[in-house]
Amino acid sequence: MTIQQKAALRDQEKLIRESLERIAHCKQLGIRQQTIDKMISLVVRAKADYDDMKRRFGANDE
């Protein structure tokens, strides 16, 4: 895995963690559940993209 690939994974992971923190904050503020559900679906998609990137970048090591 290259330095750029590691940085991309690290940045993606940071974005996912920040999104999860925002969701928790929105729940505390009483934001509508429908809005929170949409936010969660975006995080799930981002996590799937992260897992795919990690798998592809790991395949480059072989």
C-alpha atoms as a PDB file:
ATOM      1  CA  MET A   1       0.000   0.000   0.000  1.00  0.00           C
ATOM      2  CA  THR A   2       1.398   3.384  -0.991  1.00  0.00           C
ATOM      3  CA  ILE A   3       1.634   6.425   1.241  1.00  0.00           C
ATOM      4  CA  GLN A   4      -1.133   8.094  -0.769  1.00  0.00           C
ATOM      5  CA  GLN A   5      -3.403   5.076  -0.365  1.00  0.00           C
ATOM      6  CA  LYS A   6      -2.797   4.999   3.390  1.00  0.00           C
ATOM      7  CA  ALA A   7      -3.575   8.716   3.565  1.00  0.00           C
ATOM      8  CA  ALA A   8      -6.784   8.227   1.577  1.00  0.00           C
ATOM      9  CA  LEU A   9      -7.907   5.462   3.928  1.00  0.00           C
ATOM     10  CA  ARG A  10      -7.025   7.530   6.987  1.00  0.00           C
ATOM     11  CA  ASP A  11      -8.956  10.530   5.617  1.00  0.00           C
ATOM     12  CA  GLN A  12     -11.981   8.380   4.778  1.00  0.00           C
ATOM     13  CA  GLU A  13     -11.941   6.849   8.259  1.00  0.00           C
ATOM     14  CA  LYS A  14     -11.759  10.325   9.810  1.00  0.00           C
ATOM     15  CA  LEU A  15     -14.775  11.459   7.774  1.00  0.00           C
ATOM     16  CA  ILE A  16     -16.772   8.415   8.879  1.00  0.00           C
ATOM     17  CA  ARG A  17     -15.937   9.028  12.546  1.00  0.00           C
ATOM     18  CA  GLU A  18     -16.882  12.708  12.250  1.00  0.00           C
ATOM     19  CA  SER A  19     -20.163  11.764  10.589  1.00  0.00           C
ATOM     20  CA  LEU A  20     -20.988   9.378  13.427  1.00  0.00           C
ATOM     21  CA  GLU A  21     -20.286  12.142  15.937  1.00  0.00           C
ATOM     22  CA  ARG A  22     -22.602  14.503  14.018  1.00  0.00           C
ATOM     23  CA  ILE A  23     -25.352  11.870  14.049  1.00  0.00           C
ATOM     24  CA  ALA A  24     -25.030  11.463  17.816  1.00  0.00           C
ATOM     25  CA  HIS A  25     -25.172  15.242  18.223  1.00  0.00           C
ATOM     26  CA  CYS A  26     -28.269  15.467  16.008  1.00  0.00           C
ATOM     27  CA  LYS A  27     -29.992  12.832  18.140  1.00  0.00           C
ATOM     28  CA  GLN A  28     -29.266  14.906  21.241  1.00  0.00           C
ATOM     29  CA  LEU A  29     -30.723  17.980  19.557  1.00  0.00           C
ATOM     30  CA  GLY A  30     -33.921  16.121  18.690  1.00  0.00           C
ATOM     31  CA  ILE A  31     -33.524  16.162  14.913  1.00  0.00           C
ATOM     32  CA  ARG A  32     -36.229  14.148  13.134  1.00  0.00           C
ATOM     33  CA  GLN A  33     -35.553  10.424  12.969  1.00  0.00           C
ATOM     34  CA  GLN A  34     -36.117  10.462   9.196  1.00  0.00           C
ATOM     35  CA  THR A  35     -33.225  12.904   8.798  1.00  0.00           C
ATOM     36  CA  ILE A  36     -31.011  10.851  11.096  1.00  0.00           C
ATOM     37  CA  ASP A  37     -31.862   7.711   9.107  1.00  0.00           C
ATOM     38  CA  LYS A  38     -30.723   9.442   5.919  1.00  0.00           C
ATOM     39  CA  MET A  39     -27.483  10.465   7.603  1.00  0.00           C
ATOM     40  CA  ILE A  40     -26.947   6.892   8.773  1.00  0.00           C
ATOM     41  CA  SER A  41     -27.493   5.552   5.251  1.00  0.00           C
ATOM     42  CA  LEU A  42     -24.794   7.910   3.968  1.00  0.00           C
ATOM     43  CA  VAL A  43     -22.378   6.694   6.639  1.00  0.00           C
ATOM     44  CA  VAL A  44     -23.164   3.077   5.756  1.00  0.00           C
ATOM     45  CA  ARG A  45     -22.393   3.842   2.109  1.00  0.00           C
ATOM     46  CA  ALA A  46     -19.156   5.625   3.069  1.00  0.00           C
ATOM     47  CA  LYS A  47     -18.138   2.657   5.217  1.00  0.00           C
ATOM     48  CA  ALA A  48     -18.788   0.280   2.301  1.00  0.00           C
ATOM     49  CA  ASP A  49     -16.636   2.500   0.075  1.00  0.00           C
ATOM     50  CA  TYR A  50     -13.926   2.525   2.752  1.00  0.00           C
ATOM     51  CA  ASP A  51     -14.002  -1.274   3.005  1.00  0.00           C
ATOM     52  CA  ASP A  52     -13.803  -1.560  -0.792  1.00  0.00           C
ATOM     53  CA  MET A  53     -10.839   0.838  -0.954  1.00  0.00           C
ATOM     54  CA  LYS A  54      -9.098  -1.055   1.824  1.00  0.00           C
ATOM     55  CA  ARG A  55      -9.647  -4.352   0.009  1.00  0.00           C
ATOM     56  CA  ARG A  56      -8.421  -2.970  -3.331  1.00  0.00           C
ATOM     57  CA  PHE A  57      -5.397  -1.271  -1.823  1.00  0.00           C
ATOM     58  CA  GLY A  58      -4.541  -4.417   0.106  1.00  0.00           C
ATOM     59  CA  ALA A  59      -4.715  -6.404  -3.140  1.00  0.00           C
ATOM     60  CA  ASN A  60      -2.013  -4.109  -4.550  1.00  0.00           C
ATOM     61  CA  ASP A  61       0.394  -5.377  -1.891  1.00  0.00           C
ATOM     62  CA  GLU A  62       0.353  -8.880  -3.344  1.00  0.00           C
END
